[in-house]
C-alpha atoms as a PDB file:
ATOM      1  CA  MET A   1     -68.390  23.438  14.938  1.00  0.00           C
ATOM      2  CA  SER A   2     -72.132  23.876  15.359  1.00  0.00           C
ATOM      3  CA  GLU A   3     -74.028  22.799  18.476  1.00  0.00           C
ATOM      4  CA  GLN A   4     -75.840  20.168  16.395  1.00  0.00           C
ATOM      5  CA  GLN A   5     -72.531  18.693  15.195  1.00  0.00           C
ATOM      6  CA  THR A   6     -71.142  18.673  18.738  1.00  0.00           C
ATOM      7  CA  ARG A   7     -74.268  16.878  19.981  1.00  0.00           C
ATOM      8  CA  ALA A   8     -73.968  14.298  17.188  1.00  0.00           C
ATOM      9  CA  LEU A   9     -70.345  13.558  18.093  1.00  0.00           C
ATOM     10  CA  ALA A  10     -71.339  13.046  21.728  1.00  0.00           C
ATOM     11  CA  LEU A  11     -73.903  10.390  20.884  1.00  0.00           C
ATOM     12  CA  PRO A  12     -72.704   6.803  21.470  1.00  0.00           C
ATOM     13  CA  MET A  13     -71.961   4.837  18.330  1.00  0.00           C
ATOM     14  CA  SER A  14     -74.481   2.048  17.850  1.00  0.00           C
ATOM     15  CA  ALA A  15     -73.136  -1.424  17.105  1.00  0.00           C
ATOM     16  CA  PRO A  16     -73.590  -2.590  13.528  1.00  0.00           C
ATOM     17  CA  ALA A  17     -76.544  -4.850  12.880  1.00  0.00           C
ATOM     18  CA  VAL A  18     -75.840  -8.555  12.828  1.00  0.00           C
ATOM     19  CA  ARG A  19     -77.336 -11.050  10.405  1.00  0.00           C
ATOM     20  CA  PHE A  20     -77.672 -14.820  10.733  1.00  0.00           C
ATOM     21  CA  ARG A  21     -75.762 -16.219   7.736  1.00  0.00           C
ATOM     22  CA  LEU A  22     -75.131 -19.846   6.854  1.00  0.00           C
ATOM     23  CA  ALA A  23     -71.773 -20.934   5.454  1.00  0.00           C
ATOM     24  CA  ARG A  24     -71.451 -23.107   2.376  1.00  0.00           C
ATOM     25  CA  SER A  25     -68.911 -25.482   3.895  1.00  0.00           C
ATOM     26  CA  LEU A  26     -66.452 -26.033   6.711  1.00  0.00           C
ATOM     27  CA  LYS A  27     -63.521 -24.924   4.561  1.00  0.00           C
ATOM     28  CA  ALA A  28     -65.262 -21.815   3.208  1.00  0.00           C
ATOM     29  CA  ALA A  29     -66.652 -20.623   6.556  1.00  0.00           C
ATOM     30  CA  SER A  30     -65.684 -17.091   7.537  1.00  0.00           C
ATOM     31  CA  VAL A  31     -66.142 -14.926  10.606  1.00  0.00           C
ATOM     32  CA  GLY A  32     -69.828 -14.154  11.090  1.00  0.00           C
ATOM     33  CA  GLU A  33     -71.091 -17.300   9.369  1.00  0.00           C
ATOM     34  CA  VAL A  34     -72.884 -20.204  10.997  1.00  0.00           C
ATOM     35  CA  MET A  35     -72.656 -23.730   9.665  1.00  0.00           C
ATOM     36  CA  ALA A  36     -75.475 -26.249   9.863  1.00  0.00           C
ATOM     37  CA  LEU A  37     -74.572 -29.839  10.671  1.00  0.00           C
ATOM     38  CA  ASP A  38     -76.515 -32.989   9.981  1.00  0.00           C
ATOM     39  CA  GLU A  39     -76.511 -35.965  12.334  1.00  0.00           C
ATOM     40  CA  ARG A  40     -73.133 -37.171  10.998  1.00  0.00           C
ATOM     41  CA  GLY A  41     -71.482 -33.821  11.520  1.00  0.00           C
ATOM     42  CA  ASP A  42     -71.357 -32.999   7.812  1.00  0.00           C
ATOM     43  CA  VAL A  43     -72.005 -29.429   6.762  1.00  0.00           C
ATOM     44  CA  VAL A  44     -75.454 -28.715   5.329  1.00  0.00           C
ATOM     45  CA  ASP A  45     -75.381 -26.028   2.643  1.00  0.00           C
ATOM     46  CA  PRO A  46     -77.797 -23.077   2.999  1.00  0.00           C
ATOM     47  CA  ARG A  47     -80.224 -24.382   0.360  1.00  0.00           C
ATOM     48  CA  ARG A  48     -80.577 -27.800   2.017  1.00  0.00           C
ATOM     49  CA  SER A  49     -80.966 -26.134   5.398  1.00  0.00           C
ATOM     50  CA  ARG A  50     -83.784 -23.886   4.128  1.00  0.00           C
ATOM     51  CA  LEU A  51     -85.569 -26.835   2.546  1.00  0.00           C
ATOM     52  CA  ALA A  52     -85.349 -28.836   5.761  1.00  0.00           C
ATOM     53  CA  GLY A  53     -86.708 -25.862   7.706  1.00  0.00           C
ATOM     54  CA  ALA A  54     -89.608 -25.416   5.290  1.00  0.00           C
ATOM     55  CA  ARG A  55     -90.569 -29.090   5.563  1.00  0.00           C
ATOM     56  CA  LEU A  56     -90.503 -28.968   9.348  1.00  0.00           C
ATOM     57  CA  TRP A  57     -92.497 -25.737   9.442  1.00  0.00           C
ATOM     58  CA  LEU A  58     -95.116 -27.397   7.243  1.00  0.00           C
ATOM     59  CA  GLY A  59     -95.247 -30.371   9.595  1.00  0.00           C
ATOM     60  CA  ALA A  60     -95.683 -28.082  12.593  1.00  0.00           C
ATOM     61  CA  ALA A  61     -98.524 -26.242  10.852  1.00  0.00           C
ATOM     62  CA  THR A  62    -100.238 -29.525   9.972  1.00  0.00           C
ATOM     63  CA  MET A  63    -100.175 -30.544  13.625  1.00  0.00           C
ATOM     64  CA  GLY A  64    -101.462 -27.154  14.707  1.00  0.00           C
ATOM     65  CA  ALA A  65     -98.234 -26.389  16.518  1.00  0.00           C
ATOM     66  CA  LEU A  66     -96.784 -22.893  16.902  1.00  0.00           C
ATOM     67  CA  GLY A  67     -93.134 -23.534  16.890  1.00  0.00           C
ATOM     68  CA  TRP A  68     -89.869 -24.345  15.316  1.00  0.00           C
ATOM     69  CA  GLY A  69     -88.804 -27.922  14.911  1.00  0.00           C
ATOM     70  CA  SER A  70     -86.082 -27.251  12.420  1.00  0.00           C
ATOM     71  CA  VAL A  71     -82.400 -26.514  12.361  1.00  0.00           C
ATOM     72  CA  ALA A  72     -81.502 -25.412  15.854  1.00  0.00           C
ATOM     73  CA  ALA A  73     -78.409 -23.278  15.826  1.00  0.00           C
ATOM     74  CA  LEU A  74     -75.523 -24.402  17.952  1.00  0.00           C
ATOM     75  CA  GLY A  75     -71.964 -23.237  18.071  1.00  0.00           C
ATOM     76  CA  GLY A  76     -68.700 -24.956  17.414  1.00  0.00           C
ATOM     77  CA  ALA A  77     -66.395 -25.092  20.384  1.00  0.00           C
ATOM     78  CA  ALA A  78     -64.842 -21.798  21.370  1.00  0.00           C
ATOM     79  CA  PHE A  79     -61.520 -23.422  20.639  1.00  0.00           C
ATOM     80  CA  LEU A  80     -62.643 -24.233  17.122  1.00  0.00           C
ATOM     81  CA  GLY A  81     -62.802 -20.571  16.301  1.00  0.00           C
ATOM     82  CA  PRO A  82     -65.427 -18.002  15.378  1.00  0.00           C
ATOM     83  CA  ALA A  83     -67.066 -19.829  12.500  1.00  0.00           C
ATOM     84  CA  PHE A  84     -69.691 -21.198  14.824  1.00  0.00           C
ATOM     85  CA  LEU A  85     -71.593 -24.285  13.824  1.00  0.00           C
ATOM     86  CA  ALA A  86     -75.253 -25.301  13.913  1.00  0.00           C
ATOM     87  CA  ALA A  87     -76.641 -28.794  14.424  1.00  0.00           C
ATOM     88  CA  CYS A  88     -79.902 -30.199  13.069  1.00  0.00           C
ATOM     89  CA  LEU A  89     -81.319 -31.418  16.364  1.00  0.00           C
ATOM     90  CA  GLY A  90     -85.089 -30.993  16.121  1.00  0.00           C
ATOM     91  CA  LEU A  91     -85.204 -29.147  19.433  1.00  0.00           C
ATOM     92  CA  VAL A  92     -88.392 -28.387  21.322  1.00  0.00           C
ATOM     93  CA  ALA A  93     -90.917 -26.120  19.604  1.00  0.00           C
ATOM     94  CA  TRP A  94     -90.269 -22.480  20.291  1.00  0.00           C
ATOM     95  CA  GLU A  95     -92.282 -19.503  19.192  1.00  0.00           C
ATOM     96  CA  SER A  96     -90.832 -17.590  16.261  1.00  0.00           C
ATOM     97  CA  ARG A  97     -90.063 -14.439  18.244  1.00  0.00           C
ATOM     98  CA  ARG A  98     -87.747 -16.373  20.542  1.00  0.00           C
ATOM     99  CA  LEU A  99     -86.227 -18.207  17.634  1.00  0.00           C
ATOM    100  CA  ARG A 100     -85.246 -14.803  16.218  1.00  0.00           C
ATOM    101  CA  GLU A 101     -83.653 -13.945  19.553  1.00  0.00           C
ATOM    102  CA  LEU A 102     -81.735 -17.222  19.573  1.00  0.00           C
ATOM    103  CA  LYS A 103     -80.497 -16.712  16.012  1.00  0.00           C
ATOM    104  CA  ARG A 104     -79.426 -13.168  16.820  1.00  0.00           C
ATOM    105  CA  ALA A 105     -77.437 -14.366  19.855  1.00  0.00           C
ATOM    106  CA  ILE A 106     -75.728 -17.005  17.740  1.00  0.00           C
ATOM    107  CA  ALA A 107     -74.963 -14.502  14.984  1.00  0.00           C
ATOM    108  CA  LEU A 108     -73.343 -12.197  17.531  1.00  0.00           C
ATOM    109  CA  ALA A 109     -71.154 -15.029  18.775  1.00  0.00           C
ATOM    110  CA  ALA A 110     -70.271 -16.045  15.222  1.00  0.00           C
ATOM    111  CA  SER A 111     -69.154 -12.469  14.564  1.00  0.00           C
ATOM    112  CA  GLY A 112     -66.833 -12.458  17.555  1.00  0.00           C
ATOM    113  CA  ARG A 113     -69.006 -10.035  19.528  1.00  0.00           C
ATOM    114  CA  ARG A 114     -68.660 -12.148  22.648  1.00  0.00           C
ATOM    115  CA  ASP A 115     -69.893  -9.677  25.286  1.00  0.00           C
ATOM    116  CA  GLU A 116     -73.053  -8.843  23.340  1.00  0.00           C
ATOM    117  CA  ALA A 117     -73.619 -12.536  22.638  1.00  0.00           C
ATOM    118  CA  ALA A 118     -73.194 -13.465  26.307  1.00  0.00           C
ATOM    119  CA  ALA A 119     -75.749 -10.817  27.293  1.00  0.00           C
ATOM    120  CA  ALA A 120     -78.204 -12.082  24.670  1.00  0.00           C
ATOM    121  CA  PHE A 121     -77.910 -15.685  25.867  1.00  0.00           C
ATOM    122  CA  ALA A 122     -78.298 -14.560  29.483  1.00  0.00           C
ATOM    123  CA  VAL A 123     -81.640 -12.991  28.544  1.00  0.00           C
ATOM    124  CA  LEU A 124     -82.739 -16.182  26.778  1.00  0.00           C
ATOM    125  CA  GLU A 125     -81.842 -18.160  29.894  1.00  0.00           C
ATOM    126  CA  THR A 126     -84.418 -16.178  31.889  1.00  0.00           C
ATOM    127  CA  ARG A 127     -87.230 -17.249  29.515  1.00  0.00           C
ATOM    128  CA  ARG A 128     -87.638 -20.689  31.095  1.00  0.00           C
ATOM    129  CA  PRO A 129     -86.489 -22.688  28.072  1.00  0.00           C
ATOM    130  CA  GLY A 130     -87.135 -26.423  27.979  1.00  0.00           C
ATOM    131  CA  PRO A 131     -84.327 -28.881  28.746  1.00  0.00           C
ATOM    132  CA  ALA A 132     -83.062 -29.073  25.157  1.00  0.00           C
ATOM    133  CA  LEU A 133     -82.908 -25.306  24.705  1.00  0.00           C
ATOM    134  CA  LYS A 134     -81.412 -24.913  28.177  1.00  0.00           C
ATOM    135  CA  ALA A 135     -78.637 -27.337  27.188  1.00  0.00           C
ATOM    136  CA  THR A 136     -78.016 -25.283  24.049  1.00  0.00           C
ATOM    137  CA  ILE A 137     -77.847 -22.055  26.053  1.00  0.00           C
ATOM    138  CA  ASP A 138     -75.548 -23.604  28.672  1.00  0.00           C
ATOM    139  CA  TYR A 139     -73.233 -24.766  25.922  1.00  0.00           C
ATOM    140  CA  TRP A 140     -73.133 -21.315  24.351  1.00  0.00           C
ATOM    141  CA  ILE A 141     -72.606 -19.471  27.625  1.00  0.00           C
ATOM    142  CA  GLY A 142     -69.815 -21.918  28.429  1.00  0.00           C
ATOM    143  CA  SER A 143     -68.152 -21.327  25.060  1.00  0.00           C
ATOM    144  CA  LEU A 144     -68.332 -17.565  25.486  1.00  0.00           C
ATOM    145  CA  ALA A 145     -66.977 -17.814  29.036  1.00  0.00           C
ATOM    146  CA  TRP A 146     -64.034 -19.797  27.662  1.00  0.00           C
ATOM    147  CA  GLN A 147     -63.385 -17.074  25.097  1.00  0.00           C
ATOM    148  CA  ARG A 148     -63.030 -14.624  27.980  1.00  0.00           C
ATOM    149  CA  GLY A 149     -60.659 -16.889  29.909  1.00  0.00           C
ATOM    150  CA  GLN A 150     -63.276 -17.891  32.508  1.00  0.00           C
ATOM    151  CA  PHE A 151     -62.324 -21.546  32.558  1.00  0.00           C
ATOM    152  CA  GLY A 152     -64.229 -22.562  35.697  1.00  0.00           C
ATOM    153  CA  GLU A 153     -67.507 -21.109  34.415  1.00  0.00           C
ATOM    154  CA  ALA A 154     -66.965 -22.719  31.011  1.00  0.00           C
ATOM    155  CA  GLU A 155     -66.413 -26.162  32.544  1.00  0.00           C
ATOM    156  CA  LYS A 156     -69.493 -25.796  34.764  1.00  0.00           C
ATOM    157  CA  ARG A 157     -71.689 -24.811  31.812  1.00  0.00           C
ATOM    158  CA  PHE A 158     -70.429 -27.612  29.571  1.00  0.00           C
ATOM    159  CA  GLU A 159     -71.179 -30.156  32.274  1.00  0.00           C
ATOM    160  CA  ALA A 160     -74.639 -28.646  32.790  1.00  0.00           C
ATOM    161  CA  ALA A 161     -75.314 -28.944  29.058  1.00  0.00           C
ATOM    162  CA  LEU A 162     -74.386 -32.624  29.060  1.00  0.00           C
ATOM    163  CA  GLY A 163     -77.115 -33.570  31.569  1.00  0.00           C
ATOM    164  CA  PRO A 164     -80.068 -33.242  29.148  1.00  0.00           C
ATOM    165  CA  CYS A 165     -77.902 -34.470  26.269  1.00  0.00           C
ATOM    166  CA  TYR A 166     -77.317 -37.813  27.938  1.00  0.00           C
ATOM    167  CA  ARG A 167     -81.043 -38.315  28.463  1.00  0.00           C
ATOM    168  CA  THR A 168     -82.231 -38.180  24.858  1.00  0.00           C
ATOM    169  CA  ARG A 169     -80.927 -39.265  21.464  1.00  0.00           C
ATOM    170  CA  ARG A 170     -82.405 -36.111  19.941  1.00  0.00           C
ATOM    171  CA  LEU A 171     -79.451 -34.235  21.397  1.00  0.00           C
ATOM    172  CA  GLU A 172     -76.755 -36.704  20.385  1.00  0.00           C
ATOM    173  CA  VAL A 173     -74.992 -34.280  18.015  1.00  0.00           C
ATOM    174  CA  LEU A 174     -74.970 -31.575  20.682  1.00  0.00           C
ATOM    175  CA  CYS A 175     -73.603 -34.120  23.144  1.00  0.00           C
ATOM    176  CA  TRP A 176     -70.613 -34.885  20.911  1.00  0.00           C
ATOM    177  CA  ILE A 177     -69.946 -31.179  20.316  1.00  0.00           C
ATOM    178  CA  VAL A 178     -70.010 -30.388  24.032  1.00  0.00           C
ATOM    179  CA  GLU A 179     -67.798 -33.346  24.926  1.00  0.00           C
ATOM    180  CA  PHE A 180     -65.121 -32.386  22.398  1.00  0.00           C
ATOM    181  CA  SER A 181     -65.238 -28.844  23.783  1.00  0.00           C
ATOM    182  CA  LEU A 182     -64.954 -30.104  27.347  1.00  0.00           C
ATOM    183  CA  VAL A 183     -61.963 -32.319  26.539  1.00  0.00           C
ATOM    184  CA  GLN A 184     -60.097 -29.428  24.924  1.00  0.00           C
ATOM    185  CA  LEU A 185     -60.900 -27.174  27.883  1.00  0.00           C
ATOM    186  CA  LEU A 186     -59.696 -29.816  30.349  1.00  0.00           C
ATOM    187  CA  ALA A 187     -56.417 -30.124  28.451  1.00  0.00           C
ATOM    188  CA  VAL A 188     -55.927 -26.351  28.440  1.00  0.00           C
ATOM    189  CA  THR A 189     -56.488 -26.234  32.213  1.00  0.00           C
ATOM    190  CA  GLY A 190     -54.047 -29.071  32.888  1.00  0.00           C
ATOM    191  CA  GLN A 191     -56.582 -31.823  33.614  1.00  0.00           C
ATOM    192  CA  ILE A 192     -54.832 -34.152  31.195  1.00  0.00           C
ATOM    193  CA  ASP A 193     -55.823 -37.513  32.682  1.00  0.00           C
ATOM    194  CA  ARG A 194     -59.521 -36.674  32.660  1.00  0.00           C
ATOM    195  CA  ALA A 195     -59.238 -35.203  29.178  1.00  0.00           C
ATOM    196  CA  GLN A 196     -57.659 -38.399  27.862  1.00  0.00           C
ATOM    197  CA  ARG A 197     -60.311 -40.602  29.489  1.00  0.00           C
ATOM    198  CA  ILE A 198     -63.154 -38.683  27.858  1.00  0.00           C
ATOM    199  CA  ARG A 199     -61.281 -38.451  24.557  1.00  0.00           C
ATOM    200  CA  ALA A 200     -61.081 -42.249  24.395  1.00  0.00           C
ATOM    201  CA  GLU A 201     -64.888 -42.410  24.581  1.00  0.00           C
ATOM    202  CA  LEU A 202     -65.208 -39.972  21.669  1.00  0.00           C
ATOM    203  CA  GLU A 203     -64.032 -42.578  19.187  1.00  0.00           C
ATOM    204  CA  ARG A 204     -67.745 -43.418  18.892  1.00  0.00           C
ATOM    205  CA  ALA A 205     -68.545 -39.952  17.544  1.00  0.00           C
ATOM    206  CA  PRO A 206     -69.649 -39.688  13.894  1.00  0.00           C
ATOM    207  CA  ASP A 207     -67.103 -39.113  11.150  1.00  0.00           C
ATOM    208  CA  GLY A 208     -68.507 -36.032   9.408  1.00  0.00           C
ATOM    209  CA  ASP A 209     -66.442 -32.955   8.557  1.00  0.00           C
ATOM    210  CA  TYR A 210     -66.935 -31.248  11.909  1.00  0.00           C
ATOM    211  CA  PHE A 211     -66.026 -34.266  13.991  1.00  0.00           C
ATOM    212  CA  ARG A 212     -62.921 -35.056  11.942  1.00  0.00           C
ATOM    213  CA  LEU A 213     -61.745 -31.524  12.631  1.00  0.00           C
ATOM    214  CA  ALA A 214     -62.726 -31.821  16.291  1.00  0.00           C
ATOM    215  CA  ARG A 215     -60.698 -35.043  16.673  1.00  0.00           C
ATOM    216  CA  MET A 216     -57.642 -33.431  15.107  1.00  0.00           C
ATOM    217  CA  LEU A 217     -57.796 -30.296  17.256  1.00  0.00           C
ATOM    218  CA  THR A 218     -58.555 -32.265  20.401  1.00  0.00           C
ATOM    219  CA  ASP A 219     -55.623 -34.643  19.928  1.00  0.00           C
ATOM    220  CA  LEU A 220     -53.254 -31.782  19.136  1.00  0.00           C
ATOM    221  CA  THR A 221     -54.456 -29.805  22.161  1.00  0.00           C
ATOM    222  CA  ILE A 222     -53.904 -32.743  24.503  1.00  0.00           C
ATOM    223  CA  ALA A 223     -50.458 -33.375  22.988  1.00  0.00           C
ATOM    224  CA  PHE A 224     -49.421 -29.725  23.332  1.00  0.00           C
ATOM    225  CA  HIS A 225     -50.410 -29.536  26.989  1.00  0.00           C
ATOM    226  CA  ARG A 226     -48.775 -32.898  27.711  1.00  0.00           C
ATOM    227  CA  GLY A 227     -45.617 -31.527  26.123  1.00  0.00           C
ATOM    228  CA  THR A 228     -45.112 -34.447  23.753  1.00  0.00           C
ATOM    229  CA  ALA A 229     -46.159 -35.340  20.218  1.00  0.00           C
ATOM    230  CA  GLU A 230     -46.206 -39.012  21.128  1.00  0.00           C
ATOM    231  CA  GLY A 231     -49.522 -40.564  20.111  1.00  0.00           C
ATOM    232  CA  LEU A 232     -50.083 -38.215  17.167  1.00  0.00           C
ATOM    233  CA  PRO A 233     -50.036 -39.688  13.653  1.00  0.00           C
ATOM    234  CA  ASP A 234     -46.568 -40.368  12.247  1.00  0.00           C
ATOM    235  CA  ASP A 235     -47.488 -38.366   9.157  1.00  0.00           C
ATOM    236  CA  LEU A 236     -49.029 -34.982   9.998  1.00  0.00           C
ATOM    237  CA  TYR A 237     -49.008 -33.668   6.445  1.00  0.00           C
ATOM    238  CA  ASP A 238     -52.590 -34.747   5.722  1.00  0.00           C
ATOM    239  CA  TRP A 239     -53.753 -32.785   8.761  1.00  0.00           C
ATOM    240  CA  ALA A 240     -51.667 -29.782   7.698  1.00  0.00           C
ATOM    241  CA  HIS A 241     -53.083 -29.921   4.179  1.00  0.00           C
ATOM    242  CA  GLU A 242     -56.666 -29.933   5.503  1.00  0.00           C
ATOM    243  CA  ALA A 243     -55.974 -27.118   7.960  1.00  0.00           C
ATOM    244  CA  LEU A 244     -54.373 -24.948   5.276  1.00  0.00           C
ATOM    245  CA  GLU A 245     -57.454 -25.294   3.066  1.00  0.00           C
ATOM    246  CA  MET A 246     -59.690 -23.675   5.697  1.00  0.00           C
ATOM    247  CA  ASN A 247     -60.399 -19.980   6.070  1.00  0.00           C
ATOM    248  CA  ARG A 248     -60.661 -20.204   9.859  1.00  0.00           C
ATOM    249  CA  PHE A 249     -59.354 -22.399  12.701  1.00  0.00           C
ATOM    250  CA  GLY A 250     -55.924 -20.809  12.842  1.00  0.00           C
ATOM    251  CA  ASN A 251     -55.336 -22.356  16.254  1.00  0.00           C
ATOM    252  CA  GLY A 252     -55.037 -25.705  14.470  1.00  0.00           C
ATOM    253  CA  LEU A 253     -52.223 -24.284  12.348  1.00  0.00           C
ATOM    254  CA  VAL A 254     -50.418 -23.124  15.498  1.00  0.00           C
ATOM    255  CA  LEU A 255     -50.797 -26.544  17.117  1.00  0.00           C
ATOM    256  CA  LEU A 256     -49.519 -28.251  13.984  1.00  0.00           C
ATOM    257  CA  ALA A 257     -46.577 -25.825  13.846  1.00  0.00           C
ATOM    258  CA  TRP A 258     -45.692 -26.891  17.393  1.00  0.00           C
ATOM    259  CA  ALA A 259     -45.840 -30.588  16.432  1.00  0.00           C
ATOM    260  CA  PHE A 260     -43.734 -30.082  13.294  1.00  0.00           C
ATOM    261  CA  THR A 261     -41.201 -28.134  15.366  1.00  0.00           C
ATOM    262  CA  LEU A 262     -40.872 -31.028  17.800  1.00  0.00           C
ATOM    263  CA  ARG A 263     -40.332 -33.399  14.893  1.00  0.00           C
ATOM    264  CA  GLY A 264     -37.646 -31.239  13.349  1.00  0.00           C
ATOM    265  CA  ASP A 265     -39.521 -29.926  10.306  1.00  0.00           C
ATOM    266  CA  GLU A 266     -38.843 -26.244  10.850  1.00  0.00           C
ATOM    267  CA  GLU A 267     -39.673 -25.305   7.261  1.00  0.00           C
ATOM    268  CA  MET A 268     -43.257 -26.538   7.575  1.00  0.00           C
ATOM    269  CA  ALA A 269     -43.569 -25.081  11.077  1.00  0.00           C
ATOM    270  CA  ARG A 270     -42.461 -21.659   9.825  1.00  0.00           C
ATOM    271  CA  HIS A 271     -45.002 -21.738   7.021  1.00  0.00           C
ATOM    272  CA  LEU A 272     -47.846 -22.720   9.329  1.00  0.00           C
ATOM    273  CA  LEU A 273     -46.990 -19.982  11.816  1.00  0.00           C
ATOM    274  CA  ARG A 274     -46.750 -17.393   9.086  1.00  0.00           C
ATOM    275  CA  VAL A 275     -50.255 -18.019   7.742  1.00  0.00           C
ATOM    276  CA  ALA A 276     -51.926 -18.695  11.106  1.00  0.00           C
ATOM    277  CA  PRO A 277     -52.536 -15.082  12.256  1.00  0.00           C
ATOM    278  CA  ASP A 278     -54.771 -14.297   9.267  1.00  0.00           C
ATOM    279  CA  ARG A 279     -57.022 -17.172  10.359  1.00  0.00           C
ATOM    280  CA  LEU A 280     -57.164 -16.296  14.032  1.00  0.00           C
ATOM    281  CA  GLU A 281     -59.608 -13.406  13.732  1.00  0.00           C
ATOM    282  CA  ALA A 282     -62.069 -13.452  16.640  1.00  0.00           C
ATOM    283  CA  CYS A 283     -60.461 -16.654  17.942  1.00  0.00           C
ATOM    284  CA  PHE A 284     -59.290 -14.995  21.198  1.00  0.00           C
ATOM    285  CA  LEU A 285     -56.351 -17.396  21.425  1.00  0.00           C
ATOM    286  CA  SER A 286     -54.649 -15.484  24.239  1.00  0.00           C
ATOM    287  CA  GLU A 287     -57.739 -16.132  26.386  1.00  0.00           C
ATOM    288  CA  THR A 288     -58.769 -19.604  25.186  1.00  0.00           C
ATOM    289  CA  ASP A 289     -55.238 -21.057  25.372  1.00  0.00           C
ATOM    290  CA  PRO A 290     -52.692 -18.640  26.857  1.00  0.00           C
ATOM    291  CA  ALA A 291     -49.831 -21.166  26.734  1.00  0.00           C
ATOM    292  CA  LEU A 292     -50.329 -21.815  23.023  1.00  0.00           C
ATOM    293  CA  ALA A 293     -50.595 -18.088  22.274  1.00  0.00           C
ATOM    294  CA  GLN A 294     -47.351 -17.484  24.158  1.00  0.00           C
ATOM    295  CA  TRP A 295     -45.578 -20.277  22.248  1.00  0.00           C
ATOM    296  CA  MET A 296     -46.750 -18.811  18.938  1.00  0.00           C
ATOM    297  CA  ASP A 297     -45.612 -15.274  19.808  1.00  0.00           C
ATOM    298  CA  GLU A 298     -42.207 -16.460  20.992  1.00  0.00           C
ATOM    299  CA  LYS A 299     -41.596 -18.574  17.897  1.00  0.00           C
ATOM    300  CA  ARG A 300     -42.692 -15.845  15.506  1.00  0.00           C
ATOM    301  CA  ARG A 301     -40.255 -13.446  17.178  1.00  0.00           C
ATOM    302  CA  GLU A 302     -37.467 -16.027  17.257  1.00  0.00           C
ATOM    303  CA  TRP A 303     -37.905 -16.780  13.552  1.00  0.00           C
ATOM    304  CA  SER A 304     -38.568 -13.147  12.510  1.00  0.00           C
ATOM    305  CA  LEU A 305     -41.483 -14.412  10.476  1.00  0.00           C
ATOM    306  CA  ASP A 306     -42.949 -11.037   9.610  1.00  0.00           C
ATOM    307  CA  ALA A 307     -39.761 -10.104   7.757  1.00  0.00           C
ATOM    308  CA  ASP A 308     -38.744 -13.536   6.513  1.00  0.00           C
ATOM    309  CA  HIS A 309     -39.394 -14.542   2.912  1.00  0.00           C
ATOM    310  CA  ASP A 310     -41.880 -17.405   2.651  1.00  0.00           C
ATOM    311  CA  LEU A 311     -40.481 -20.077   0.342  1.00  0.00           C
ATOM    312  CA  TRP A 312     -43.934 -21.701   0.147  1.00  0.00           C
ATOM    313  CA  GLU A 313     -45.588 -18.738  -1.588  1.00  0.00           C
END
């Protein structure tokens, strides 16, 4: 081997470039894609998102502003998986260079590159962002801390993000997202009573695609960590059907498998657990919910799912 080849092998491998990509829908979202939400929590397709951004850029130019008043990218809860979501919040104007930095940080998180994403958001935090952007950054840092099993830091950051959210209606969508995340985190860490109190207040949240999913996952998470399916809908098949139509959010399939197991429907539970791993990419379930990950691993071994023939396929 030549000296030049040896030197090339010794060079550190650079991480692949990351691109900010919008998903077409909640169901179609894949790892690395960001979804834009409107004020109801419905997914905004890429074309609508670009048109909204263009209109807001034009308005900023007309007013002589140098900033971005458009779709501000936010993430779905860590527990909702790697297909991170964006909310149309009309955040404070920010110069385009920093917007690029924000979008890059979000794209890293959406791709499951949690350490790089955390470092990128930490840099943004040093840039003295306004209250709205600071709330966004706190939310993201909290979500990434949760993905690494740092529950105390995640809870602290979520609560910090809620301060500015409560003070302005402009951040109402972010407020709902953070509160659903906080409730799930509280359930995972055993703070069931507090989780249930906050969950009761979330009935006022909008009924768009994202928030319907958030309600389902939140209720299942609380039920799992309470150890009882009491309070869940009598018929879980609608939830299972919706979850099976999605490319991501495999943790929801695991939670539903647990509920179906408790209710004696082992056939459905087996099917859900068999397809769940393919939808858990970059979900970091063993860190975000160790008890649920352990239950899944034990059941898959008990039922020999990797070798078992799936009657549903």
